[in-house]
Structures are given as structure tokens and as C-alpha cells.
Amino acid sequence: MNFRFIGMVGLGFAGTLAGLAGAAWLTSWLIAPAPPPKRFITDTFELDLAPGWSCDLDETEYVCRKGRPPTASIAVIAMKRRGPDDNLEAYEEHLRHPEPNKDGTVPQLRDLKRRRLANHEWVEGVQLSSEIPNYVTIYMATNTSQVGVLATFSFHKNREMDERRDLDSMLSSLRIHQLPPQ
């Protein structure tokens, strides 16, 4: 037998295997389900993190960031036992009148509405330059029979559509746990 013939058969066999392996990888990539989202669980709530987000406890609130520092997007989620002022009307009134910044400028209130996410009615206020100049901050507030919830999402105004998808995704998966009696 000719060594050239054996080499060509081997090369053809290897090429066929490589082609089949590539086709199998492409097929599995196209039809396999995406991995489940990373679940962030605390003693008072849990939610699915959007891709690229991570959260840590920072004293009394949870700070979530997208990507590595310096981050272009940040979220702060805080919960407290519900008091007499923890109701949607009070949250709406507070957001209707933006607080002046440290430099005396008043943030622009772009939108104020109520929306339903994760079986909760939320007050949503959108302000421009309230936390950081040229950043949009979306304030979300709701309550249960036991807790008041405030979530703020800040990001550069040029990234609003992408970040709003992340915000809706995360808050739509929010589950608030019942608190133990005091």
C-alpha cells in the first residue's frame, strides 16, 4: 500500500471528524437552553440576577453592580420593617418632589407612574442627574404587609434601554420573604 494513500485517508477521516464535531457544537449551541440565571438570596428577599450583575451587603442595604469596577450601572436594594409612612401614596409624593443635590441643583423628574412587577404594585420615579450627573436613576418602591422596599438603579443615560431590561428582569423575579415576629 502506498503511504500517500494512507495519509490522505487519515486526513480525510480527521477532516470528517472535525466537521462533525463542529456541526454538533453548533447544533447544541443553537438548541440547548440558556443556563439558569444566578439567584441572589438574602434573609428577606431573593431575585434572579441579570447577566453580569453581582450583589453584596453594604451595612444595611444590598449594592449590586454590573461588571467590574468602574461600573457603569449600580443598583441599591433596601428593605425595612413597614411603618406608617410605608405606602404607595407616600412613596409617590416623595418621588414627585426631587431632593436638591449637594450642589443645589434639582434633578429633573422625567416620569412618575405605577407598574406591576412580581405580583407587587410599584411606584416608579425616573430622575435625571439625581445621584450622578448625566446618569438616569430609576427609583422603585413597594411594600408588603410587613416591609417597605426601595430599589434604585443608576446608569449612564446612553445605556437606558439595556439597563431597563436588566431592572425589569431582576424585579420581576423578586420574592419577598415573611419576616419573623419582633
C-alpha atoms as a PDB file:
ATOM      1  CA  MET A   1       0.000   0.000   0.000  1.00  0.00           C
ATOM      2  CA  ASN A   2       1.065   3.481  -0.738  1.00  0.00           C
ATOM      3  CA  PHE A   3       1.867   5.722   2.264  1.00  0.00           C
ATOM      4  CA  ARG A   4       0.456   8.706   0.434  1.00  0.00           C
ATOM      5  CA  PHE A   5      -2.900   6.926   0.086  1.00  0.00           C
ATOM      6  CA  ILE A   6      -2.947   6.051   3.818  1.00  0.00           C
ATOM      7  CA  GLY A   7      -2.079   9.660   4.702  1.00  0.00           C
ATOM      8  CA  MET A   8      -4.896  11.013   2.530  1.00  0.00           C
ATOM      9  CA  VAL A   9      -7.415   8.560   4.067  1.00  0.00           C
ATOM     10  CA  GLY A  10      -6.268   9.606   7.558  1.00  0.00           C
ATOM     11  CA  LEU A  11      -6.513  13.286   6.640  1.00  0.00           C
ATOM     12  CA  GLY A  12      -9.991  12.761   5.181  1.00  0.00           C
ATOM     13  CA  PHE A  13     -11.060  10.881   8.316  1.00  0.00           C
ATOM     14  CA  ALA A  14      -9.721  13.659  10.587  1.00  0.00           C
ATOM     15  CA  GLY A  15     -11.424  16.316   8.466  1.00  0.00           C
ATOM     16  CA  THR A  16     -14.728  14.455   8.618  1.00  0.00           C
ATOM     17  CA  LEU A  17     -14.460  14.131  12.426  1.00  0.00           C
ATOM     18  CA  ALA A  18     -13.637  17.839  12.790  1.00  0.00           C
ATOM     19  CA  GLY A  19     -16.599  18.778  10.566  1.00  0.00           C
ATOM     20  CA  LEU A  20     -18.986  16.549  12.526  1.00  0.00           C
ATOM     21  CA  ALA A  21     -17.693  17.886  15.855  1.00  0.00           C
ATOM     22  CA  GLY A  22     -18.197  21.472  14.654  1.00  0.00           C
ATOM     23  CA  ALA A  23     -21.717  20.690  13.433  1.00  0.00           C
ATOM     24  CA  ALA A  24     -22.543  19.003  16.773  1.00  0.00           C
ATOM     25  CA  TRP A  25     -21.243  22.007  18.756  1.00  0.00           C
ATOM     26  CA  LEU A  26     -23.201  24.466  16.589  1.00  0.00           C
ATOM     27  CA  THR A  27     -26.387  22.405  16.882  1.00  0.00           C
ATOM     28  CA  SER A  28     -26.098  22.130  20.662  1.00  0.00           C
ATOM     29  CA  TRP A  29     -25.359  25.856  20.940  1.00  0.00           C
ATOM     30  CA  LEU A  30     -28.465  26.693  18.904  1.00  0.00           C
ATOM     31  CA  ILE A  31     -30.929  24.339  20.599  1.00  0.00           C
ATOM     32  CA  ALA A  32     -29.635  23.984  24.158  1.00  0.00           C
ATOM     33  CA  PRO A  33     -31.413  26.130  26.750  1.00  0.00           C
ATOM     34  CA  ALA A  34     -29.550  29.064  28.236  1.00  0.00           C
ATOM     35  CA  PRO A  35     -28.122  28.445  31.700  1.00  0.00           C
ATOM     36  CA  PRO A  36     -30.473  29.469  34.500  1.00  0.00           C
ATOM     37  CA  PRO A  37     -29.907  32.932  35.957  1.00  0.00           C
ATOM     38  CA  LYS A  38     -27.822  33.297  39.090  1.00  0.00           C
ATOM     39  CA  ARG A  39     -30.152  33.545  42.111  1.00  0.00           C
ATOM     40  CA  PHE A  40     -29.309  36.141  44.777  1.00  0.00           C
ATOM     41  CA  ILE A  41     -30.776  35.076  48.123  1.00  0.00           C
ATOM     42  CA  THR A  42     -30.879  37.063  51.370  1.00  0.00           C
ATOM     43  CA  ASP A  43     -32.798  36.576  54.603  1.00  0.00           C
ATOM     44  CA  THR A  44     -35.538  38.998  53.444  1.00  0.00           C
ATOM     45  CA  PHE A  45     -35.716  38.574  49.669  1.00  0.00           C
ATOM     46  CA  GLU A  46     -34.378  36.747  46.642  1.00  0.00           C
ATOM     47  CA  LEU A  47     -34.166  37.535  42.951  1.00  0.00           C
ATOM     48  CA  ASP A  48     -32.578  36.377  39.717  1.00  0.00           C
ATOM     49  CA  LEU A  49     -29.599  38.498  38.726  1.00  0.00           C
ATOM     50  CA  ALA A  50     -29.413  39.661  35.130  1.00  0.00           C
ATOM     51  CA  PRO A  51     -26.250  38.523  33.306  1.00  0.00           C
ATOM     52  CA  GLY A  52     -23.131  40.312  34.510  1.00  0.00           C
ATOM     53  CA  TRP A  53     -24.645  41.547  37.808  1.00  0.00           C
ATOM     54  CA  SER A  54     -23.432  40.689  41.321  1.00  0.00           C
ATOM     55  CA  CYS A  55     -24.626  41.886  44.742  1.00  0.00           C
ATOM     56  CA  ASP A  56     -23.088  42.320  48.195  1.00  0.00           C
ATOM     57  CA  LEU A  57     -24.340  43.504  51.561  1.00  0.00           C
ATOM     58  CA  ASP A  58     -23.125  47.017  52.401  1.00  0.00           C
ATOM     59  CA  GLU A  59     -24.150  47.707  56.018  1.00  0.00           C
ATOM     60  CA  THR A  60     -27.981  47.818  55.836  1.00  0.00           C
ATOM     61  CA  GLU A  61     -28.573  47.596  52.093  1.00  0.00           C
ATOM     62  CA  TYR A  62     -27.577  45.430  49.177  1.00  0.00           C
ATOM     63  CA  VAL A  63     -25.434  47.030  46.480  1.00  0.00           C
ATOM     64  CA  CYS A  64     -25.477  45.397  43.068  1.00  0.00           C
ATOM     65  CA  ARG A  65     -23.091  46.216  40.236  1.00  0.00           C
ATOM     66  CA  LYS A  66     -22.861  45.248  36.623  1.00  0.00           C
ATOM     67  CA  GLY A  67     -19.401  44.217  35.508  1.00  0.00           C
ATOM     68  CA  ARG A  68     -16.082  45.073  37.076  1.00  0.00           C
ATOM     69  CA  PRO A  69     -15.187  48.460  38.564  1.00  0.00           C
ATOM     70  CA  PRO A  70     -15.514  51.130  37.487  1.00  0.00           C
ATOM     71  CA  THR A  71     -19.091  50.070  36.868  1.00  0.00           C
ATOM     72  CA  ALA A  72     -21.441  51.939  34.589  1.00  0.00           C
ATOM     73  CA  SER A  73     -24.526  50.604  36.377  1.00  0.00           C
ATOM     74  CA  ILE A  74     -25.325  50.245  40.052  1.00  0.00           C
ATOM     75  CA  ALA A  75     -28.399  49.176  41.999  1.00  0.00           C
ATOM     76  CA  VAL A  76     -29.153  49.565  45.696  1.00  0.00           C
ATOM     77  CA  ILE A  77     -31.903  47.489  47.286  1.00  0.00           C
ATOM     78  CA  ALA A  78     -33.061  48.265  50.808  1.00  0.00           C
ATOM     79  CA  MET A  79     -35.852  46.821  52.930  1.00  0.00           C
ATOM     80  CA  LYS A  80     -37.136  47.780  56.334  1.00  0.00           C
ATOM     81  CA  ARG A  81     -39.990  46.867  58.582  1.00  0.00           C
ATOM     82  CA  ARG A  82     -43.061  48.668  57.369  1.00  0.00           C
ATOM     83  CA  GLY A  83     -44.000  51.823  59.236  1.00  0.00           C
ATOM     84  CA  PRO A  84     -46.961  54.212  58.923  1.00  0.00           C
ATOM     85  CA  ASP A  85     -45.313  56.115  56.024  1.00  0.00           C
ATOM     86  CA  ASP A  86     -44.535  52.991  54.018  1.00  0.00           C
ATOM     87  CA  ASN A  87     -47.360  53.127  51.500  1.00  0.00           C
ATOM     88  CA  LEU A  88     -47.544  53.760  47.764  1.00  0.00           C
ATOM     89  CA  GLU A  89     -49.114  57.212  48.132  1.00  0.00           C
ATOM     90  CA  ALA A  90     -46.296  58.410  50.431  1.00  0.00           C
ATOM     91  CA  TYR A  91     -43.639  56.946  48.108  1.00  0.00           C
ATOM     92  CA  GLU A  92     -45.273  58.664  45.131  1.00  0.00           C
ATOM     93  CA  GLU A  93     -45.450  62.009  46.927  1.00  0.00           C
ATOM     94  CA  HIS A  94     -41.795  61.770  47.954  1.00  0.00           C
ATOM     95  CA  LEU A  95     -40.673  60.999  44.382  1.00  0.00           C
ATOM     96  CA  ARG A  96     -42.854  63.786  42.949  1.00  0.00           C
ATOM     97  CA  HIS A  97     -40.621  66.362  44.653  1.00  0.00           C
ATOM     98  CA  PRO A  98     -36.953  65.514  43.911  1.00  0.00           C
ATOM     99  CA  GLU A  99     -34.468  66.477  46.620  1.00  0.00           C
ATOM    100  CA  PRO A 100     -31.835  69.086  45.634  1.00  0.00           C
ATOM    101  CA  ASN A 101     -28.334  67.733  45.021  1.00  0.00           C
ATOM    102  CA  LYS A 102     -25.379  68.741  47.197  1.00  0.00           C
ATOM    103  CA  ASP A 103     -24.527  71.470  44.672  1.00  0.00           C
ATOM    104  CA  GLY A 104     -28.073  72.910  44.934  1.00  0.00           C
ATOM    105  CA  THR A 105     -29.321  71.750  41.528  1.00  0.00           C
ATOM    106  CA  VAL A 106     -32.664  69.991  41.441  1.00  0.00           C
ATOM    107  CA  PRO A 107     -32.837  66.711  39.483  1.00  0.00           C
ATOM    108  CA  GLN A 108     -35.235  66.544  36.568  1.00  0.00           C
ATOM    109  CA  LEU A 109     -38.249  64.289  37.226  1.00  0.00           C
ATOM    110  CA  ARG A 110     -38.751  62.593  33.880  1.00  0.00           C
ATOM    111  CA  ASP A 111     -41.505  60.141  34.731  1.00  0.00           C
ATOM    112  CA  LEU A 112     -43.619  59.009  37.672  1.00  0.00           C
ATOM    113  CA  LYS A 113     -46.010  56.081  37.398  1.00  0.00           C
ATOM    114  CA  ARG A 114     -47.186  52.865  38.976  1.00  0.00           C
ATOM    115  CA  ARG A 115     -46.472  49.457  37.491  1.00  0.00           C
ATOM    116  CA  ARG A 116     -46.931  45.821  38.409  1.00  0.00           C
ATOM    117  CA  LEU A 117     -43.921  43.501  38.730  1.00  0.00           C
ATOM    118  CA  ALA A 118     -43.620  40.188  40.600  1.00  0.00           C
ATOM    119  CA  ASN A 119     -47.170  40.434  41.971  1.00  0.00           C
ATOM    120  CA  HIS A 120     -46.425  43.794  43.586  1.00  0.00           C
ATOM    121  CA  GLU A 121     -47.570  47.254  42.613  1.00  0.00           C
ATOM    122  CA  TRP A 122     -44.557  49.563  42.420  1.00  0.00           C
ATOM    123  CA  VAL A 123     -44.166  53.322  42.297  1.00  0.00           C
ATOM    124  CA  GLU A 124     -41.519  54.138  39.700  1.00  0.00           C
ATOM    125  CA  GLY A 125     -39.869  57.542  39.505  1.00  0.00           C
ATOM    126  CA  VAL A 126     -37.286  58.308  36.819  1.00  0.00           C
ATOM    127  CA  GLN A 127     -34.935  61.213  37.507  1.00  0.00           C
ATOM    128  CA  LEU A 128     -32.030  62.633  35.532  1.00  0.00           C
ATOM    129  CA  SER A 129     -28.841  63.662  37.391  1.00  0.00           C
ATOM    130  CA  SER A 130     -30.201  62.943  40.877  1.00  0.00           C
ATOM    131  CA  GLU A 131     -27.335  60.736  42.056  1.00  0.00           C
ATOM    132  CA  ILE A 132     -24.626  61.330  39.418  1.00  0.00           C
ATOM    133  CA  PRO A 133     -24.534  63.993  36.632  1.00  0.00           C
ATOM    134  CA  ASN A 134     -25.704  62.616  33.244  1.00  0.00           C
ATOM    135  CA  TYR A 135     -26.941  59.423  34.888  1.00  0.00           C
ATOM    136  CA  VAL A 136     -30.541  58.259  34.969  1.00  0.00           C
ATOM    137  CA  THR A 137     -31.786  56.928  38.298  1.00  0.00           C
ATOM    138  CA  ILE A 138     -34.908  54.819  38.469  1.00  0.00           C
ATOM    139  CA  TYR A 139     -36.430  54.714  41.944  1.00  0.00           C
ATOM    140  CA  MET A 140     -38.732  51.771  42.596  1.00  0.00           C
ATOM    141  CA  ALA A 141     -40.759  51.458  45.813  1.00  0.00           C
ATOM    142  CA  THR A 142     -43.337  48.958  47.039  1.00  0.00           C
ATOM    143  CA  ASN A 143     -44.472  47.362  50.257  1.00  0.00           C
ATOM    144  CA  THR A 144     -45.954  44.215  51.682  1.00  0.00           C
ATOM    145  CA  SER A 145     -47.873  43.798  54.901  1.00  0.00           C
ATOM    146  CA  GLN A 146     -44.521  43.634  56.707  1.00  0.00           C
ATOM    147  CA  VAL A 147     -41.812  45.506  54.770  1.00  0.00           C
ATOM    148  CA  GLY A 148     -41.167  48.608  52.727  1.00  0.00           C
ATOM    149  CA  VAL A 149     -38.887  48.066  49.720  1.00  0.00           C
ATOM    150  CA  LEU A 150     -36.816  50.673  47.891  1.00  0.00           C
ATOM    151  CA  ALA A 151     -34.647  49.884  44.889  1.00  0.00           C
ATOM    152  CA  THR A 152     -32.590  52.450  42.991  1.00  0.00           C
ATOM    153  CA  PHE A 153     -30.928  51.761  39.644  1.00  0.00           C
ATOM    154  CA  SER A 154     -28.431  54.303  38.302  1.00  0.00           C
ATOM    155  CA  PHE A 155     -26.751  54.156  34.904  1.00  0.00           C
ATOM    156  CA  HIS A 156     -25.461  56.482  32.196  1.00  0.00           C
ATOM    157  CA  LYS A 157     -28.292  57.981  30.166  1.00  0.00           C
ATOM    158  CA  ASN A 158     -26.935  56.418  26.942  1.00  0.00           C
ATOM    159  CA  ARG A 159     -27.477  52.886  28.342  1.00  0.00           C
ATOM    160  CA  GLU A 160     -31.087  53.212  29.450  1.00  0.00           C
ATOM    161  CA  MET A 161     -32.710  50.594  27.189  1.00  0.00           C
ATOM    162  CA  ASP A 162     -30.221  47.831  28.099  1.00  0.00           C
ATOM    163  CA  GLU A 163     -30.300  48.616  31.804  1.00  0.00           C
ATOM    164  CA  ARG A 164     -34.100  48.858  31.914  1.00  0.00           C
ATOM    165  CA  ARG A 165     -34.273  45.284  30.587  1.00  0.00           C
ATOM    166  CA  ASP A 166     -31.997  44.173  33.444  1.00  0.00           C
ATOM    167  CA  LEU A 167     -34.076  46.080  36.012  1.00  0.00           C
ATOM    168  CA  ASP A 168     -37.346  44.570  34.797  1.00  0.00           C
ATOM    169  CA  SER A 169     -35.815  41.105  34.655  1.00  0.00           C
ATOM    170  CA  MET A 170     -34.470  41.276  38.209  1.00  0.00           C
ATOM    171  CA  LEU A 171     -37.516  42.881  39.843  1.00  0.00           C
ATOM    172  CA  SER A 172     -39.909  40.542  38.003  1.00  0.00           C
ATOM    173  CA  SER A 173     -38.224  37.622  39.764  1.00  0.00           C
ATOM    174  CA  LEU A 174     -38.255  39.272  43.229  1.00  0.00           C
ATOM    175  CA  ARG A 175     -39.660  37.207  46.084  1.00  0.00           C
ATOM    176  CA  ILE A 176     -40.019  38.906  49.460  1.00  0.00           C
ATOM    177  CA  HIS A 177     -39.838  36.613  52.485  1.00  0.00           C
ATOM    178  CA  GLN A 178     -42.017  36.983  55.557  1.00  0.00           C
ATOM    179  CA  LEU A 179     -40.153  38.455  58.491  1.00  0.00           C
ATOM    180  CA  PRO A 180     -40.040  36.755  61.891  1.00  0.00           C
ATOM    181  CA  PRO A 181     -42.035  38.489  64.638  1.00  0.00           C
ATOM    182  CA  GLN A 182     -40.183  41.214  66.536  1.00  0.00           C
END
